[in-house]
N, C-alpha and C. Protein backbone atom coordinates (compact mmCIF):
# COMPACT_ATOMS: atom_id res chain seq x y z
N MET A 1 -41.88 -56.08 3.74
CA MET A 1 -42.00 -55.68 5.12
C MET A 1 -41.27 -56.66 6.04
N GLU A 2 -41.08 -57.87 5.55
CA GLU A 2 -40.35 -58.86 6.34
C GLU A 2 -38.92 -58.39 6.58
N LYS A 3 -38.37 -57.68 5.60
CA LYS A 3 -37.01 -57.16 5.69
C LYS A 3 -36.86 -56.21 6.89
N PHE A 4 -37.88 -55.44 7.18
CA PHE A 4 -37.84 -54.48 8.29
C PHE A 4 -38.42 -55.05 9.58
N ASN A 5 -38.87 -56.29 9.53
CA ASN A 5 -39.44 -56.95 10.71
C ASN A 5 -40.70 -56.23 11.20
N ILE A 6 -41.50 -55.75 10.27
CA ILE A 6 -42.71 -55.01 10.62
C ILE A 6 -43.91 -55.95 10.67
N LEU A 7 -44.07 -56.75 9.64
CA LEU A 7 -45.20 -57.68 9.58
C LEU A 7 -44.68 -59.11 9.52
N PRO A 8 -45.41 -60.02 10.13
CA PRO A 8 -45.03 -61.43 9.96
C PRO A 8 -45.27 -61.85 8.51
N ASN A 9 -44.58 -62.86 8.10
CA ASN A 9 -44.70 -63.33 6.73
C ASN A 9 -46.10 -63.91 6.51
N PHE A 10 -46.75 -63.52 5.41
CA PHE A 10 -48.06 -64.06 5.06
C PHE A 10 -48.08 -64.35 3.57
N LYS A 11 -48.92 -65.31 3.19
CA LYS A 11 -48.97 -65.72 1.79
C LYS A 11 -50.33 -65.50 1.17
N THR A 12 -51.36 -65.42 1.97
CA THR A 12 -52.70 -65.26 1.42
C THR A 12 -53.36 -64.02 2.01
N LEU A 13 -54.40 -63.59 1.34
CA LEU A 13 -55.15 -62.44 1.84
C LEU A 13 -55.79 -62.76 3.18
N LYS A 14 -56.22 -63.98 3.35
CA LYS A 14 -56.84 -64.40 4.61
C LYS A 14 -55.84 -64.27 5.76
N GLU A 15 -54.59 -64.67 5.51
CA GLU A 15 -53.56 -64.55 6.55
C GLU A 15 -53.31 -63.08 6.88
N LEU A 16 -53.32 -62.24 5.86
CA LEU A 16 -53.12 -60.80 6.09
C LEU A 16 -54.27 -60.23 6.91
N LEU A 17 -55.47 -60.61 6.56
CA LEU A 17 -56.64 -60.09 7.27
C LEU A 17 -56.74 -60.61 8.70
N ASN A 18 -56.11 -61.70 8.99
CA ASN A 18 -56.14 -62.27 10.33
C ASN A 18 -54.98 -61.81 11.21
N LEU A 19 -54.16 -60.91 10.70
CA LEU A 19 -53.06 -60.39 11.52
C LEU A 19 -53.63 -59.58 12.68
N PRO A 20 -52.96 -59.60 13.82
CA PRO A 20 -53.43 -58.82 14.96
C PRO A 20 -53.41 -57.32 14.65
N GLY A 21 -54.31 -56.58 15.26
CA GLY A 21 -54.40 -55.14 15.05
C GLY A 21 -53.12 -54.40 15.37
N LYS A 22 -52.39 -54.89 16.37
CA LYS A 22 -51.13 -54.25 16.76
C LYS A 22 -50.13 -54.29 15.62
N ASP A 23 -50.05 -55.42 14.93
CA ASP A 23 -49.13 -55.56 13.80
C ASP A 23 -49.52 -54.62 12.66
N LEU A 24 -50.82 -54.53 12.40
CA LEU A 24 -51.28 -53.65 11.33
C LEU A 24 -51.01 -52.19 11.67
N LYS A 25 -51.18 -51.84 12.94
CA LYS A 25 -50.92 -50.47 13.37
C LYS A 25 -49.44 -50.13 13.18
N GLU A 26 -48.57 -51.04 13.55
CA GLU A 26 -47.13 -50.82 13.35
C GLU A 26 -46.79 -50.68 11.87
N PHE A 27 -47.44 -51.48 11.03
CA PHE A 27 -47.22 -51.41 9.60
C PHE A 27 -47.65 -50.06 9.04
N VAL A 28 -48.83 -49.59 9.42
CA VAL A 28 -49.33 -48.30 8.94
C VAL A 28 -48.44 -47.17 9.43
N SER A 29 -48.05 -47.19 10.69
CA SER A 29 -47.17 -46.16 11.23
C SER A 29 -45.84 -46.14 10.51
N PHE A 30 -45.27 -47.30 10.28
CA PHE A 30 -44.00 -47.38 9.56
C PHE A 30 -44.15 -46.86 8.14
N SER A 31 -45.22 -47.26 7.46
CA SER A 31 -45.43 -46.85 6.07
C SER A 31 -45.59 -45.35 5.95
N LEU A 32 -46.41 -44.76 6.82
CA LEU A 32 -46.60 -43.31 6.76
C LEU A 32 -45.31 -42.57 7.07
N GLY A 33 -44.58 -43.07 8.04
CA GLY A 33 -43.30 -42.44 8.38
C GLY A 33 -42.30 -42.50 7.25
N ALA A 34 -42.38 -43.57 6.46
CA ALA A 34 -41.45 -43.73 5.34
C ALA A 34 -41.80 -42.82 4.17
N TYR A 35 -43.07 -42.46 4.02
CA TYR A 35 -43.49 -41.67 2.87
C TYR A 35 -43.71 -40.19 3.17
N VAL A 36 -43.85 -39.83 4.41
CA VAL A 36 -44.04 -38.42 4.75
C VAL A 36 -42.67 -37.79 4.93
N VAL A 37 -42.41 -36.80 4.11
CA VAL A 37 -41.12 -36.13 4.15
C VAL A 37 -41.30 -34.79 4.85
N LYS A 38 -40.57 -34.61 5.90
CA LYS A 38 -40.64 -33.33 6.60
C LYS A 38 -39.82 -32.31 5.83
N ARG A 39 -40.47 -31.20 5.52
CA ARG A 39 -39.83 -30.15 4.74
C ARG A 39 -39.05 -29.24 5.67
N ALA A 40 -37.77 -29.16 5.46
CA ALA A 40 -36.96 -28.28 6.29
C ALA A 40 -37.18 -26.84 5.86
N ARG A 41 -37.34 -25.97 6.81
CA ARG A 41 -37.50 -24.56 6.52
C ARG A 41 -36.16 -23.93 6.23
N ILE A 42 -36.16 -23.00 5.30
CA ILE A 42 -34.95 -22.26 5.01
C ILE A 42 -34.79 -21.18 6.05
N LYS A 43 -33.68 -21.20 6.75
CA LYS A 43 -33.43 -20.20 7.78
C LYS A 43 -33.09 -18.87 7.14
N ALA A 44 -33.62 -17.82 7.72
CA ALA A 44 -33.34 -16.49 7.22
C ALA A 44 -32.17 -15.91 8.01
N PRO A 45 -31.10 -15.56 7.33
CA PRO A 45 -29.92 -15.06 8.05
C PRO A 45 -30.12 -13.61 8.52
N ASP A 46 -29.46 -13.29 9.58
CA ASP A 46 -29.40 -11.91 10.08
C ASP A 46 -30.76 -11.28 10.34
N LEU A 47 -31.70 -12.05 10.84
CA LEU A 47 -32.99 -11.49 11.20
C LEU A 47 -33.12 -11.44 12.71
N SER A 48 -33.80 -10.42 13.18
CA SER A 48 -34.09 -10.36 14.61
C SER A 48 -35.08 -11.48 14.93
N PRO A 49 -35.23 -11.84 16.19
CA PRO A 49 -36.21 -12.88 16.53
C PRO A 49 -37.62 -12.54 16.06
N THR A 50 -38.01 -11.26 16.18
CA THR A 50 -39.35 -10.86 15.73
C THR A 50 -39.48 -10.99 14.22
N ASP A 51 -38.46 -10.53 13.48
CA ASP A 51 -38.51 -10.65 12.02
C ASP A 51 -38.49 -12.11 11.59
N HIS A 52 -37.74 -12.95 12.30
CA HIS A 52 -37.72 -14.37 11.95
C HIS A 52 -39.11 -14.99 12.17
N LEU A 53 -39.78 -14.61 13.24
CA LEU A 53 -41.12 -15.11 13.50
C LEU A 53 -42.08 -14.66 12.40
N ILE A 54 -42.00 -13.39 12.02
CA ILE A 54 -42.86 -12.88 10.95
C ILE A 54 -42.55 -13.60 9.64
N TYR A 55 -41.27 -13.82 9.38
CA TYR A 55 -40.83 -14.53 8.18
C TYR A 55 -41.47 -15.93 8.13
N GLU A 56 -41.43 -16.65 9.24
CA GLU A 56 -42.04 -17.99 9.31
C GLU A 56 -43.55 -17.91 9.13
N LEU A 57 -44.18 -16.92 9.75
CA LEU A 57 -45.63 -16.77 9.62
C LEU A 57 -46.03 -16.44 8.19
N ILE A 58 -45.24 -15.64 7.51
CA ILE A 58 -45.52 -15.33 6.10
C ILE A 58 -45.45 -16.62 5.28
N GLN A 59 -44.44 -17.44 5.52
CA GLN A 59 -44.35 -18.71 4.79
C GLN A 59 -45.57 -19.58 5.07
N ASN A 60 -45.99 -19.65 6.33
CA ASN A 60 -47.17 -20.44 6.68
C ASN A 60 -48.42 -19.90 5.99
N CYS A 61 -48.56 -18.58 5.95
CA CYS A 61 -49.72 -17.97 5.28
C CYS A 61 -49.73 -18.32 3.80
N ILE A 62 -48.58 -18.29 3.17
CA ILE A 62 -48.51 -18.62 1.74
C ILE A 62 -48.88 -20.08 1.53
N LEU A 63 -48.43 -20.95 2.41
CA LEU A 63 -48.81 -22.37 2.31
C LEU A 63 -50.30 -22.56 2.51
N LYS A 64 -50.96 -21.65 3.23
CA LYS A 64 -52.40 -21.75 3.50
C LYS A 64 -53.25 -21.04 2.44
N GLY A 65 -52.61 -20.35 1.47
CA GLY A 65 -53.40 -19.76 0.39
C GLY A 65 -53.33 -18.25 0.25
N TYR A 66 -52.55 -17.59 1.06
CA TYR A 66 -52.43 -16.14 0.96
C TYR A 66 -51.45 -15.77 -0.15
N ASP A 67 -51.63 -14.57 -0.71
CA ASP A 67 -50.63 -14.00 -1.60
C ASP A 67 -50.14 -12.71 -0.96
N LEU A 68 -49.23 -12.00 -1.63
CA LEU A 68 -48.65 -10.80 -1.04
C LEU A 68 -49.70 -9.74 -0.76
N SER A 69 -50.63 -9.56 -1.68
CA SER A 69 -51.66 -8.53 -1.45
C SER A 69 -52.55 -8.87 -0.26
N SER A 70 -52.81 -10.16 -0.03
CA SER A 70 -53.59 -10.58 1.15
C SER A 70 -52.83 -10.28 2.43
N LEU A 71 -51.52 -10.51 2.40
CA LEU A 71 -50.70 -10.23 3.57
C LEU A 71 -50.65 -8.73 3.85
N LEU A 72 -50.57 -7.94 2.80
CA LEU A 72 -50.55 -6.49 2.98
C LEU A 72 -51.90 -5.99 3.49
N ALA A 73 -52.97 -6.65 3.10
CA ALA A 73 -54.30 -6.27 3.60
C ALA A 73 -54.39 -6.46 5.11
N LEU A 74 -53.66 -7.44 5.63
CA LEU A 74 -53.63 -7.62 7.09
C LEU A 74 -53.03 -6.40 7.77
N ALA A 75 -51.98 -5.86 7.18
CA ALA A 75 -51.36 -4.65 7.76
C ALA A 75 -52.31 -3.47 7.66
N ASP A 76 -53.08 -3.41 6.59
CA ASP A 76 -54.02 -2.30 6.41
C ASP A 76 -55.17 -2.34 7.41
N SER A 77 -55.38 -3.47 8.04
CA SER A 77 -56.48 -3.56 9.01
C SER A 77 -56.09 -3.01 10.38
N PHE A 78 -54.83 -2.63 10.56
CA PHE A 78 -54.35 -2.11 11.84
C PHE A 78 -54.98 -0.74 12.12
N GLN A 79 -55.41 -0.54 13.36
CA GLN A 79 -55.95 0.75 13.81
C GLN A 79 -55.13 1.24 14.98
N GLY A 80 -54.50 2.41 14.83
CA GLY A 80 -53.72 3.00 15.91
C GLY A 80 -54.56 3.96 16.74
N SER A 81 -53.89 4.67 17.63
CA SER A 81 -54.62 5.60 18.51
C SER A 81 -55.01 6.88 17.78
N SER A 82 -54.32 7.21 16.69
CA SER A 82 -54.67 8.38 15.90
C SER A 82 -54.46 8.06 14.43
N LEU A 83 -55.02 8.90 13.56
CA LEU A 83 -54.90 8.67 12.13
C LEU A 83 -53.44 8.72 11.69
N GLU A 84 -52.68 9.67 12.25
CA GLU A 84 -51.27 9.81 11.88
C GLU A 84 -50.46 8.58 12.31
N SER A 85 -50.66 8.14 13.54
CA SER A 85 -49.90 6.96 14.01
C SER A 85 -50.33 5.71 13.26
N THR A 86 -51.60 5.65 12.89
CA THR A 86 -52.09 4.50 12.12
C THR A 86 -51.41 4.44 10.76
N ASP A 87 -51.33 5.57 10.07
CA ASP A 87 -50.70 5.60 8.75
C ASP A 87 -49.22 5.22 8.81
N VAL A 88 -48.52 5.74 9.81
CA VAL A 88 -47.09 5.43 9.95
C VAL A 88 -46.90 3.95 10.26
N ALA A 89 -47.69 3.43 11.19
CA ALA A 89 -47.57 2.02 11.56
C ALA A 89 -47.89 1.11 10.38
N ARG A 90 -48.94 1.44 9.64
CA ARG A 90 -49.31 0.62 8.48
C ARG A 90 -48.19 0.62 7.45
N SER A 91 -47.62 1.78 7.21
CA SER A 91 -46.54 1.89 6.23
C SER A 91 -45.34 1.04 6.66
N ARG A 92 -45.00 1.10 7.93
CA ARG A 92 -43.87 0.30 8.43
C ARG A 92 -44.16 -1.20 8.32
N MET A 93 -45.38 -1.58 8.68
CA MET A 93 -45.74 -3.00 8.60
C MET A 93 -45.72 -3.49 7.16
N ARG A 94 -46.25 -2.67 6.25
CA ARG A 94 -46.27 -3.06 4.84
C ARG A 94 -44.86 -3.24 4.31
N SER A 95 -43.96 -2.32 4.63
CA SER A 95 -42.59 -2.45 4.12
C SER A 95 -41.88 -3.65 4.75
N ARG A 96 -42.16 -3.93 6.01
CA ARG A 96 -41.56 -5.09 6.67
C ARG A 96 -42.06 -6.39 6.05
N ILE A 97 -43.37 -6.44 5.79
CA ILE A 97 -43.95 -7.63 5.17
C ILE A 97 -43.36 -7.84 3.78
N LYS A 98 -43.26 -6.76 2.99
CA LYS A 98 -42.69 -6.88 1.64
C LYS A 98 -41.26 -7.38 1.69
N LYS A 99 -40.47 -6.80 2.61
CA LYS A 99 -39.05 -7.20 2.72
C LYS A 99 -38.93 -8.67 3.08
N LEU A 100 -39.69 -9.11 4.08
CA LEU A 100 -39.60 -10.50 4.52
C LEU A 100 -40.21 -11.46 3.51
N TYR A 101 -41.25 -11.01 2.82
CA TYR A 101 -41.83 -11.84 1.76
C TYR A 101 -40.80 -12.05 0.64
N GLU A 102 -40.17 -10.97 0.20
CA GLU A 102 -39.19 -11.07 -0.87
C GLU A 102 -38.01 -11.96 -0.47
N LEU A 103 -37.61 -11.88 0.79
CA LEU A 103 -36.54 -12.74 1.29
C LEU A 103 -36.94 -14.21 1.16
N GLY A 104 -38.16 -14.54 1.57
CA GLY A 104 -38.63 -15.92 1.48
C GLY A 104 -38.78 -16.39 0.05
N ALA A 105 -39.34 -15.52 -0.80
CA ALA A 105 -39.54 -15.90 -2.21
C ALA A 105 -38.22 -16.06 -2.94
N SER A 106 -37.22 -15.27 -2.56
CA SER A 106 -35.94 -15.38 -3.24
C SER A 106 -35.16 -16.62 -2.80
N LYS A 107 -35.43 -17.13 -1.60
CA LYS A 107 -34.70 -18.28 -1.08
C LYS A 107 -35.39 -19.61 -1.38
N ASP A 108 -36.70 -19.59 -1.58
CA ASP A 108 -37.45 -20.84 -1.68
C ASP A 108 -38.35 -20.81 -2.92
N ALA A 109 -38.00 -21.59 -3.92
CA ALA A 109 -38.76 -21.62 -5.17
C ALA A 109 -40.18 -22.15 -4.95
N THR A 110 -40.34 -23.06 -3.99
CA THR A 110 -41.67 -23.60 -3.70
C THR A 110 -42.58 -22.50 -3.19
N ILE A 111 -42.08 -21.67 -2.29
CA ILE A 111 -42.87 -20.57 -1.74
C ILE A 111 -43.23 -19.60 -2.87
N LYS A 112 -42.29 -19.31 -3.72
CA LYS A 112 -42.54 -18.39 -4.84
C LYS A 112 -43.61 -18.97 -5.76
N HIS A 113 -43.52 -20.25 -6.06
CA HIS A 113 -44.49 -20.91 -6.93
C HIS A 113 -45.88 -20.92 -6.29
N LEU A 114 -45.95 -21.25 -5.00
CA LEU A 114 -47.24 -21.26 -4.30
C LEU A 114 -47.86 -19.87 -4.26
N GLU A 115 -47.06 -18.84 -4.05
CA GLU A 115 -47.59 -17.49 -4.01
C GLU A 115 -48.17 -17.11 -5.36
N ALA A 116 -47.52 -17.52 -6.43
CA ALA A 116 -48.05 -17.25 -7.77
C ALA A 116 -49.38 -17.97 -7.99
N GLN A 117 -49.46 -19.22 -7.53
CA GLN A 117 -50.73 -19.95 -7.62
C GLN A 117 -51.81 -19.27 -6.79
N ASN A 118 -51.45 -18.87 -5.56
CA ASN A 118 -52.42 -18.21 -4.68
C ASN A 118 -52.94 -16.93 -5.32
N SER A 119 -52.04 -16.16 -5.94
CA SER A 119 -52.45 -14.91 -6.60
C SER A 119 -53.44 -15.20 -7.72
N ALA A 120 -53.17 -16.25 -8.49
CA ALA A 120 -54.07 -16.61 -9.59
C ALA A 120 -55.44 -17.03 -9.08
N VAL A 121 -55.47 -17.82 -8.01
CA VAL A 121 -56.74 -18.27 -7.44
C VAL A 121 -57.53 -17.08 -6.88
N ILE A 122 -56.83 -16.20 -6.17
CA ILE A 122 -57.51 -15.03 -5.60
C ILE A 122 -58.04 -14.12 -6.70
N ALA A 123 -57.27 -13.93 -7.78
CA ALA A 123 -57.74 -13.12 -8.91
C ALA A 123 -58.97 -13.75 -9.55
N TYR A 124 -58.97 -15.07 -9.66
CA TYR A 124 -60.13 -15.77 -10.23
C TYR A 124 -61.35 -15.59 -9.34
N LEU A 125 -61.17 -15.74 -8.03
CA LEU A 125 -62.30 -15.56 -7.11
C LEU A 125 -62.84 -14.13 -7.17
N LYS A 126 -61.94 -13.16 -7.30
CA LYS A 126 -62.38 -11.76 -7.44
C LYS A 126 -63.17 -11.57 -8.72
N SER A 127 -62.75 -12.26 -9.80
CA SER A 127 -63.48 -12.13 -11.06
C SER A 127 -64.89 -12.70 -10.95
N LEU A 128 -65.08 -13.62 -10.00
CA LEU A 128 -66.40 -14.19 -9.75
C LEU A 128 -67.22 -13.34 -8.78
N GLY A 129 -66.60 -12.25 -8.31
CA GLY A 129 -67.30 -11.36 -7.38
C GLY A 129 -67.07 -11.69 -5.92
N LEU A 130 -66.13 -12.57 -5.64
CA LEU A 130 -65.81 -12.94 -4.26
C LEU A 130 -64.54 -12.21 -3.87
N ASP A 131 -64.66 -11.11 -3.14
CA ASP A 131 -63.50 -10.34 -2.72
C ASP A 131 -63.15 -10.72 -1.29
N LEU A 132 -62.21 -11.65 -1.16
CA LEU A 132 -61.83 -12.13 0.16
C LEU A 132 -61.03 -11.10 0.92
N GLY A 133 -60.40 -10.18 0.22
CA GLY A 133 -59.60 -9.14 0.88
C GLY A 133 -60.45 -8.23 1.73
N SER A 134 -61.71 -8.02 1.38
CA SER A 134 -62.56 -7.13 2.15
C SER A 134 -62.85 -7.70 3.54
N GLU A 135 -62.75 -9.02 3.70
CA GLU A 135 -62.94 -9.62 5.01
C GLU A 135 -61.75 -9.33 5.91
N LEU A 136 -60.57 -9.20 5.28
CA LEU A 136 -59.36 -8.90 6.05
C LEU A 136 -59.23 -7.43 6.34
N ASN A 137 -59.76 -6.60 5.46
CA ASN A 137 -59.61 -5.16 5.59
C ASN A 137 -60.99 -4.51 5.67
N PRO A 138 -61.45 -4.17 6.86
CA PRO A 138 -62.81 -3.66 7.02
C PRO A 138 -63.03 -2.29 6.37
N GLU A 139 -61.94 -1.60 5.97
CA GLU A 139 -62.11 -0.28 5.37
C GLU A 139 -62.46 -0.35 3.89
N GLN A 140 -62.35 -1.50 3.27
CA GLN A 140 -62.64 -1.62 1.83
C GLN A 140 -64.13 -1.63 1.59
């Protein structure tokens, strides 16, 4: 740390423990900054602003534990003004979600791997009798 001028030189544990709090705070901030790697998002080409937003939200959902079927259940929870408009809107949303999901999975191996893990966890929870999809889709 002396190389980066973060902490004063110390030789004993007592000297380290007697360092001012400000120095320790700078050391911790520097250390965390050095080890935390910001993951750059893969940009989706030729998407409208709305589709790009949905694309990013799908990636965030996958990072939070959703799989494709969970995302599609969100579309199934939509209620329109009539049964016919509801069915059409749901179908459009489902196809849009599938298209944008496939785009993300084809571009980012990490997203694809996480989605596979999420699917396995959700299948396991369902085998235990915990159907989380029913909370997303009130019609189930």
